[in-house]
Amino acid sequence: MKILQFNSISNFKLKTMKTMKTMKTIKTMKKCSMYALLAIAMVGCSDDDTPEVINEEEVISTVILTLTPESGEEVILMTQDLDGDGPDAPVITISGSFAENTQYEGAVRFLNETETPAEEITNEVEEEADEHQVFYTTTEGLNIQTDYLDFDDNDNPLGLLITLTTGAASQGSLTVTLRHEPVKPNDGLDSAGGETDITTSFDVTIE
């Protein structure tokens, strides 16, 4: 009777050990399956890890500043750089001449003429007025004053529309600079910071 009991207990232990081993094997297989699925998922997602480019910088090939007096000759200042970073220098043209002591209503346009039809970047600048500002600077001795006529929602200058007033006869450079995300308000180009989208200079004469 004792032997029978011992054998029964031994058999019970053996069965229990086998059951435990089986359960461990099942758990191990489940873990391996999970790891395998994770590995497959990671491999499958690896091709999609490249971030999308958001708000890609716009190409500005052309700047046109049109200045219209109450009476007299209209002045158009234009820069075209149709090959972008290519070897060709921008083509700068000035139509008309500035008169002394005259006020001009000015409007500037920014275009991407590397596309057909040309893309009007001016619209984007206007829509994102709080993130842009156009600056007008002159070399010392050039008798030109510019004043802003348009503003963003925070009453900070934008600069697509200006008044340009000439003084006595003089010569020098007028520079137009479009800045992206400048500090607003600011005390001018030097304190504005931000990133320059485009800048161009015109040699002008007031006569």
Protein backbone atom coordinates (compact mmCIF):
# COMPACT_ATOMS: atom_id res chain seq x y z
CA MET A 1 0.00 0.00 0.00
CA LYS A 2 2.83 2.40 0.81
CA ILE A 3 4.55 1.66 -2.51
CA LEU A 4 1.37 2.27 -4.36
CA GLN A 5 0.96 5.57 -2.60
CA PHE A 6 4.57 6.52 -3.38
CA ASN A 7 4.12 5.64 -7.05
CA SER A 8 0.88 7.62 -7.19
CA ILE A 9 2.57 10.64 -5.70
CA SER A 10 5.52 10.27 -8.08
CA ASN A 11 3.24 9.99 -11.07
CA PHE A 12 1.33 13.02 -9.90
CA LYS A 13 4.56 15.02 -9.58
CA LEU A 14 5.75 13.91 -13.00
CA LYS A 15 2.46 14.92 -14.58
CA THR A 16 2.56 18.26 -12.78
CA MET A 17 6.13 18.93 -13.93
CA LYS A 18 5.21 18.03 -17.50
CA THR A 19 2.21 20.35 -17.35
CA MET A 20 4.34 23.19 -15.99
CA LYS A 21 6.95 22.65 -18.71
CA THR A 22 4.23 22.68 -21.35
CA MET A 23 2.80 25.92 -19.97
CA LYS A 24 6.28 27.50 -19.93
CA THR A 25 6.80 26.39 -23.53
CA ILE A 26 3.49 27.93 -24.55
CA LYS A 27 4.35 31.18 -22.77
CA THR A 28 7.77 31.25 -24.45
CA MET A 29 6.18 30.66 -27.85
CA LYS A 30 3.71 33.47 -27.22
CA LYS A 31 6.54 35.85 -26.29
CA CYS A 32 8.49 34.88 -29.39
CA SER A 33 5.43 35.47 -31.54
CA MET A 34 4.94 38.90 -30.00
CA TYR A 35 8.58 39.84 -30.58
CA ALA A 36 8.35 38.61 -34.17
CA LEU A 37 5.23 40.70 -34.80
CA LEU A 38 6.91 43.76 -33.29
CA ALA A 39 9.96 43.25 -35.49
CA ILE A 40 7.78 42.95 -38.60
CA ALA A 41 5.86 46.08 -37.61
CA MET A 42 9.08 48.04 -37.11
CA VAL A 43 10.44 46.93 -40.48
CA GLY A 44 7.13 47.74 -42.14
CA CYS A 45 7.09 51.24 -40.65
CA SER A 46 10.71 52.06 -41.40
CA ASP A 47 9.89 53.27 -44.92
CA ASP A 48 7.40 55.78 -43.51
CA ASP A 49 9.78 57.34 -40.97
CA THR A 50 10.88 60.13 -43.31
CA PRO A 51 9.12 63.31 -42.09
CA GLU A 52 7.01 65.27 -44.50
CA VAL A 53 8.26 68.71 -45.50
CA ILE A 54 5.80 71.27 -44.16
CA ASN A 55 5.76 74.88 -45.30
CA GLU A 56 8.58 74.31 -47.74
CA GLU A 57 10.35 77.58 -48.53
CA GLU A 58 8.86 79.32 -51.54
CA VAL A 59 11.01 80.21 -54.53
CA ILE A 60 11.01 83.93 -55.31
CA SER A 61 12.54 84.71 -58.68
CA THR A 62 11.10 88.15 -59.31
CA VAL A 63 10.51 91.36 -57.36
CA ILE A 64 8.52 94.21 -58.93
CA LEU A 65 8.14 97.54 -57.15
CA THR A 66 5.74 99.89 -58.95
CA LEU A 67 5.75 103.54 -57.86
CA THR A 68 3.02 105.83 -59.13
CA PRO A 69 3.00 109.62 -58.55
CA GLU A 70 -0.10 111.79 -58.52
CA SER A 71 1.23 113.28 -61.73
CA GLY A 72 4.28 112.56 -63.80
CA GLU A 73 6.19 109.44 -64.77
CA GLU A 74 5.58 106.04 -63.19
CA VAL A 75 8.71 104.25 -61.93
CA ILE A 76 9.06 100.44 -62.02
CA LEU A 77 11.96 98.67 -60.32
CA MET A 78 12.30 94.99 -61.20
CA THR A 79 14.65 92.12 -60.38
CA GLN A 80 14.47 88.76 -62.19
CA ASP A 81 16.58 85.74 -61.29
CA LEU A 82 15.11 82.98 -63.41
CA ASP A 83 17.89 80.43 -62.89
CA GLY A 84 17.74 80.59 -59.09
CA ASP A 85 21.08 79.38 -57.70
CA GLY A 86 22.47 79.07 -61.22
CA PRO A 87 25.44 80.98 -62.62
CA ASP A 88 23.46 83.82 -64.19
CA ALA A 89 23.25 87.08 -62.23
CA PRO A 90 19.81 88.60 -61.58
CA VAL A 91 18.57 90.96 -64.28
CA ILE A 92 17.76 94.37 -62.76
CA THR A 93 15.76 96.93 -64.71
CA ILE A 94 14.51 100.41 -63.86
CA SER A 95 11.78 101.99 -65.96
CA GLY A 96 11.24 105.71 -65.51
CA SER A 97 13.08 108.17 -63.28
CA PHE A 98 12.43 109.70 -59.88
CA ALA A 99 11.49 113.36 -59.74
CA GLU A 100 12.50 115.70 -56.93
CA ASN A 101 10.11 116.40 -54.06
CA THR A 102 7.49 113.96 -55.29
CA GLN A 103 5.27 111.48 -53.46
CA TYR A 104 4.73 108.03 -54.99
CA GLU A 105 2.21 105.34 -54.09
CA GLY A 106 4.15 102.06 -54.11
CA ALA A 107 3.13 98.42 -54.42
CA VAL A 108 5.57 95.49 -54.42
CA ARG A 109 5.00 92.02 -55.86
CA PHE A 110 6.90 88.78 -55.33
CA LEU A 111 6.68 86.10 -58.04
CA ASN A 112 8.01 82.65 -58.80
CA GLU A 113 8.51 82.80 -62.55
CA THR A 114 10.40 79.50 -62.66
CA GLU A 115 6.93 77.92 -62.87
CA THR A 116 4.40 78.20 -65.68
CA PRO A 117 2.15 80.00 -65.09
CA ALA A 118 4.07 82.22 -62.68
CA GLU A 119 3.13 81.80 -59.01
CA GLU A 120 2.07 84.94 -57.15
CA ILE A 121 3.97 84.71 -53.85
CA THR A 122 2.57 88.13 -52.86
CA ASN A 123 -0.73 86.46 -51.91
CA GLU A 124 0.99 84.17 -49.43
CA VAL A 125 2.90 87.07 -47.89
CA GLU A 126 -0.37 88.95 -47.45
CA GLU A 127 -2.17 85.93 -45.96
CA GLU A 128 0.68 85.41 -43.49
CA ALA A 129 1.15 89.10 -42.74
CA ASP A 130 2.01 88.49 -39.08
CA GLU A 131 4.97 86.33 -40.23
CA HIS A 132 6.38 88.74 -42.84
CA GLN A 133 7.60 92.28 -43.29
CA VAL A 134 9.05 94.12 -46.27
CA PHE A 135 11.83 96.58 -45.44
CA TYR A 136 12.98 99.53 -47.58
CA THR A 137 16.45 100.86 -46.85
CA THR A 138 18.62 103.42 -48.63
CA THR A 139 22.28 104.30 -48.72
CA GLU A 140 23.36 107.49 -47.02
CA GLY A 141 22.79 110.54 -49.16
CA LEU A 142 19.81 109.24 -51.11
CA ASN A 143 16.88 111.52 -50.33
CA ILE A 144 14.07 108.97 -50.11
CA GLN A 145 11.64 108.33 -47.27
CA THR A 146 9.26 105.38 -47.16
CA ASP A 147 6.15 104.94 -45.00
CA TYR A 148 4.00 101.84 -44.57
CA LEU A 149 0.38 101.80 -45.74
CA ASP A 150 -0.58 98.21 -44.80
CA PHE A 151 -0.43 96.35 -41.49
CA ASP A 152 -1.00 92.90 -39.99
CA ASP A 153 -3.73 92.01 -37.49
CA ASN A 154 -1.57 93.35 -34.66
CA ASP A 155 -1.14 96.75 -36.36
CA ASN A 156 2.50 96.00 -37.18
CA PRO A 157 3.81 97.07 -40.63
CA LEU A 158 3.68 94.63 -43.55
CA GLY A 159 5.08 96.68 -46.44
CA LEU A 160 3.39 95.44 -49.60
CA LEU A 161 1.96 98.95 -49.91
CA ILE A 162 4.00 102.07 -49.17
CA THR A 163 4.32 105.78 -49.75
CA LEU A 164 7.72 106.79 -51.12
CA THR A 165 8.65 110.46 -50.96
CA THR A 166 11.67 111.93 -52.72
CA GLY A 167 13.63 115.01 -51.66
CA ALA A 168 16.28 116.98 -53.47
CA ALA A 169 18.32 115.55 -56.33
CA SER A 170 20.60 112.73 -55.20
CA GLN A 171 21.90 109.28 -56.07
CA GLY A 172 22.20 106.00 -54.18
CA SER A 173 20.76 102.53 -53.65
CA LEU A 174 17.26 101.54 -52.61
CA THR A 175 17.11 98.02 -51.16
CA VAL A 176 13.95 95.91 -50.82
CA THR A 177 14.14 93.05 -48.31
CA LEU A 178 11.44 90.50 -47.49
CA ARG A 179 11.88 88.93 -44.06
CA HIS A 180 10.12 85.83 -42.78
CA GLU A 181 9.22 85.66 -39.07
CA PRO A 182 10.84 88.96 -38.05
CA VAL A 183 10.48 90.31 -34.54
CA LYS A 184 7.42 92.54 -34.47
CA PRO A 185 7.36 95.36 -33.59
CA ASN A 186 10.94 96.33 -34.49
CA ASP A 187 13.09 99.38 -35.10
CA GLY A 188 13.96 98.46 -38.67
CA LEU A 189 15.82 95.82 -40.62
CA ASP A 190 18.85 95.61 -38.32
CA SER A 191 16.76 94.77 -35.25
CA ALA A 192 14.10 92.65 -36.96
CA GLY A 193 15.89 89.31 -37.06
CA GLY A 194 14.08 86.51 -38.88
CA GLU A 195 15.07 84.91 -42.17
CA THR A 196 15.59 86.80 -45.43
CA ASP A 197 13.36 85.39 -48.18
CA ILE A 198 14.83 87.75 -50.78
CA THR A 199 16.74 91.01 -50.91
CA THR A 200 17.53 93.17 -53.95
CA SER A 201 19.10 96.59 -54.49
CA PHE A 202 18.45 99.24 -57.15
CA ASP A 203 20.78 102.09 -58.10
CA VAL A 204 18.46 105.08 -58.43
CA THR A 205 18.79 108.75 -59.26
CA ILE A 206 16.52 111.58 -58.19
CA GLU A 207 16.65 114.42 -60.70
